[in-house]
């Protein structure tokens, strides 16, 4: 998901940094950012809180809809 990538890069975070903050692994971050998979609702909630609402569940839903078209 592009919005997650933009947030991460804007904050100067590596995929590993973000993974540590979310309690997951670096490869999962890569899959989410590339749109190959979606995080669980619990992780989406953590991302929402970590980004102070810059990346929300609505962004993930829109990303999923766009992928489905």
N, C-alpha and C. Protein backbone atom coordinates (compact mmCIF):
# COMPACT_ATOMS: atom_id res chain seq x y z
N UNK A 1 0.84 -1.18 0.00
CA UNK A 1 0.00 0.00 0.00
C UNK A 1 0.89 1.24 0.00
N UNK A 2 0.66 2.06 -0.98
CA UNK A 2 1.50 3.23 -1.21
C UNK A 2 1.49 4.18 -0.02
N UNK A 3 0.36 4.33 0.61
CA UNK A 3 0.26 5.28 1.72
C UNK A 3 1.13 4.86 2.90
N UNK A 4 1.22 3.56 3.16
CA UNK A 4 2.08 3.06 4.23
C UNK A 4 3.55 3.30 3.88
N UNK A 5 3.91 3.05 2.64
CA UNK A 5 5.28 3.28 2.18
C UNK A 5 5.64 4.75 2.32
N UNK A 6 4.74 5.63 1.90
CA UNK A 6 4.99 7.07 2.00
C UNK A 6 5.19 7.49 3.44
N UNK A 7 4.34 7.00 4.33
CA UNK A 7 4.48 7.34 5.75
C UNK A 7 5.82 6.87 6.28
N UNK A 8 6.15 5.61 6.00
CA UNK A 8 7.39 5.03 6.51
C UNK A 8 8.60 5.81 6.03
N UNK A 9 8.64 6.10 4.74
CA UNK A 9 9.79 6.82 4.16
C UNK A 9 9.86 8.26 4.67
N UNK A 10 8.70 8.89 4.80
CA UNK A 10 8.64 10.27 5.30
C UNK A 10 9.20 10.37 6.72
N UNK A 11 8.96 9.35 7.51
CA UNK A 11 9.44 9.33 8.90
C UNK A 11 10.85 8.77 9.03
N UNK A 12 11.43 8.35 7.91
CA UNK A 12 12.79 7.81 7.94
C UNK A 12 12.88 6.44 8.58
N UNK A 13 11.81 5.66 8.49
CA UNK A 13 11.78 4.33 9.09
C UNK A 13 12.12 3.27 8.04
N UNK A 14 12.87 2.27 8.46
CA UNK A 14 13.09 1.12 7.59
C UNK A 14 11.91 0.17 7.76
N UNK A 15 11.82 -0.81 6.88
CA UNK A 15 10.78 -1.83 7.04
C UNK A 15 10.96 -2.56 8.36
N UNK A 16 12.21 -2.78 8.75
CA UNK A 16 12.50 -3.43 10.02
C UNK A 16 12.04 -2.61 11.21
N UNK A 17 12.26 -1.29 11.15
CA UNK A 17 11.79 -0.40 12.22
C UNK A 17 10.28 -0.47 12.39
N UNK A 18 9.59 -0.40 11.25
CA UNK A 18 8.13 -0.44 11.30
C UNK A 18 7.64 -1.80 11.79
N UNK A 19 8.29 -2.85 11.33
CA UNK A 19 7.92 -4.20 11.76
C UNK A 19 8.08 -4.35 13.28
N UNK A 20 9.16 -3.84 13.81
CA UNK A 20 9.39 -3.91 15.26
C UNK A 20 8.29 -3.16 16.01
N UNK A 21 7.95 -1.98 15.52
CA UNK A 21 6.92 -1.17 16.18
C UNK A 21 5.56 -1.86 16.15
N UNK A 22 5.31 -2.65 15.11
CA UNK A 22 4.02 -3.31 14.96
C UNK A 22 4.00 -4.75 15.48
N UNK A 23 5.17 -5.28 15.83
CA UNK A 23 5.24 -6.65 16.34
C UNK A 23 5.09 -7.69 15.25
N UNK A 24 5.64 -7.40 14.08
CA UNK A 24 5.58 -8.37 12.98
C UNK A 24 6.97 -8.45 12.35
N UNK A 25 7.09 -9.06 11.17
CA UNK A 25 8.42 -9.14 10.56
C UNK A 25 8.50 -8.28 9.31
N UNK A 26 9.72 -8.00 8.91
CA UNK A 26 10.02 -7.10 7.80
C UNK A 26 9.39 -7.55 6.48
N UNK A 27 9.36 -8.84 6.25
CA UNK A 27 8.80 -9.34 4.98
C UNK A 27 7.30 -9.06 4.90
N UNK A 28 6.61 -9.06 6.05
CA UNK A 28 5.18 -8.73 6.04
C UNK A 28 4.97 -7.29 5.60
N UNK A 29 5.82 -6.40 6.08
CA UNK A 29 5.72 -4.99 5.68
C UNK A 29 5.85 -4.88 4.16
N UNK A 30 6.82 -5.58 3.60
CA UNK A 30 7.03 -5.57 2.15
C UNK A 30 5.82 -6.08 1.39
N UNK A 31 5.19 -7.14 1.89
CA UNK A 31 4.00 -7.68 1.22
C UNK A 31 2.83 -6.71 1.29
N UNK A 32 2.68 -6.03 2.43
CA UNK A 32 1.59 -5.05 2.56
C UNK A 32 1.83 -3.87 1.64
N UNK A 33 3.08 -3.39 1.62
CA UNK A 33 3.38 -2.23 0.80
C UNK A 33 3.23 -2.52 -0.69
N UNK A 34 3.51 -3.74 -1.09
CA UNK A 34 3.40 -4.09 -2.50
C UNK A 34 1.99 -4.55 -2.88
N UNK A 35 1.11 -4.68 -1.88
CA UNK A 35 -0.27 -5.07 -2.15
C UNK A 35 -0.47 -6.57 -2.30
N UNK A 36 0.55 -7.36 -1.95
CA UNK A 36 0.42 -8.81 -2.07
C UNK A 36 -0.44 -9.41 -0.97
N UNK A 37 -0.54 -8.73 0.16
CA UNK A 37 -1.38 -9.21 1.25
C UNK A 37 -1.85 -8.01 2.07
N UNK A 38 -2.78 -8.29 2.96
CA UNK A 38 -3.34 -7.27 3.84
C UNK A 38 -3.08 -7.67 5.29
N UNK A 39 -2.82 -6.71 6.16
CA UNK A 39 -2.63 -7.04 7.57
C UNK A 39 -3.97 -7.38 8.23
N UNK A 40 -3.88 -7.98 9.39
CA UNK A 40 -5.09 -8.28 10.17
C UNK A 40 -5.69 -6.97 10.69
N UNK A 41 -6.93 -7.06 11.14
CA UNK A 41 -7.56 -5.86 11.69
C UNK A 41 -6.81 -5.35 12.91
N UNK A 42 -6.26 -6.24 13.71
CA UNK A 42 -5.50 -5.81 14.88
C UNK A 42 -4.27 -5.00 14.46
N UNK A 43 -3.59 -5.44 13.41
CA UNK A 43 -2.41 -4.71 12.92
C UNK A 43 -2.84 -3.40 12.27
N UNK A 44 -3.94 -3.41 11.52
CA UNK A 44 -4.43 -2.17 10.93
C UNK A 44 -4.71 -1.14 12.01
N UNK A 45 -5.28 -1.58 13.13
CA UNK A 45 -5.53 -0.69 14.26
C UNK A 45 -4.21 -0.13 14.81
N UNK A 46 -3.20 -0.98 14.93
CA UNK A 46 -1.88 -0.52 15.40
C UNK A 46 -1.28 0.50 14.43
N UNK A 47 -1.43 0.24 13.13
CA UNK A 47 -0.91 1.16 12.12
C UNK A 47 -1.63 2.51 12.23
N UNK A 48 -2.93 2.47 12.41
CA UNK A 48 -3.72 3.70 12.55
C UNK A 48 -3.20 4.52 13.73
N UNK A 49 -2.99 3.85 14.87
CA UNK A 49 -2.50 4.56 16.06
C UNK A 49 -1.07 5.05 15.88
N UNK A 50 -0.22 4.21 15.29
CA UNK A 50 1.19 4.57 15.09
C UNK A 50 1.33 5.76 14.15
N UNK A 51 0.47 5.83 13.14
CA UNK A 51 0.55 6.91 12.15
C UNK A 51 -0.32 8.11 12.53
N UNK A 52 -0.92 8.07 13.71
CA UNK A 52 -1.82 9.14 14.15
C UNK A 52 -2.91 9.41 13.13
N UNK A 53 -3.46 8.35 12.56
CA UNK A 53 -4.57 8.46 11.63
C UNK A 53 -4.19 8.77 10.19
N UNK A 54 -2.90 8.78 9.89
CA UNK A 54 -2.49 9.04 8.50
C UNK A 54 -2.76 7.83 7.59
N UNK A 55 -2.74 6.63 8.16
CA UNK A 55 -3.05 5.41 7.42
C UNK A 55 -4.12 4.68 8.23
N UNK A 56 -5.34 4.65 7.69
CA UNK A 56 -6.49 4.11 8.44
C UNK A 56 -7.07 2.87 7.77
N UNK A 57 -8.04 2.28 8.43
CA UNK A 57 -8.71 1.11 7.86
C UNK A 57 -9.37 1.46 6.53
N UNK A 58 -9.86 2.69 6.40
CA UNK A 58 -10.47 3.11 5.14
C UNK A 58 -9.46 3.08 4.00
N UNK A 59 -8.21 3.42 4.28
CA UNK A 59 -7.16 3.36 3.25
C UNK A 59 -6.93 1.92 2.82
N UNK A 60 -6.92 1.00 3.77
CA UNK A 60 -6.72 -0.42 3.44
C UNK A 60 -7.90 -0.94 2.63
N UNK A 61 -9.11 -0.53 3.03
CA UNK A 61 -10.30 -0.97 2.30
C UNK A 61 -10.27 -0.45 0.87
N UNK A 62 -9.93 0.83 0.69
CA UNK A 62 -9.84 1.39 -0.65
C UNK A 62 -8.77 0.68 -1.48
N UNK A 63 -7.66 0.38 -0.86
CA UNK A 63 -6.60 -0.35 -1.54
C UNK A 63 -7.08 -1.72 -1.99
N UNK A 64 -7.85 -2.38 -1.13
CA UNK A 64 -8.39 -3.70 -1.46
C UNK A 64 -9.39 -3.59 -2.61
N UNK A 65 -10.24 -2.56 -2.58
CA UNK A 65 -11.21 -2.36 -3.65
C UNK A 65 -10.51 -2.12 -4.99
N UNK A 66 -9.49 -1.29 -4.98
CA UNK A 66 -8.75 -0.98 -6.20
C UNK A 66 -8.08 -2.23 -6.76
N UNK A 67 -7.58 -3.08 -5.90
CA UNK A 67 -6.92 -4.30 -6.33
C UNK A 67 -7.94 -5.28 -6.95
N UNK A 68 -9.16 -5.23 -6.48
CA UNK A 68 -10.19 -6.16 -6.93
C UNK A 68 -10.75 -5.79 -8.31
N UNK A 69 -10.56 -4.55 -8.72
CA UNK A 69 -11.14 -4.10 -10.00
C UNK A 69 -10.40 -4.64 -11.19
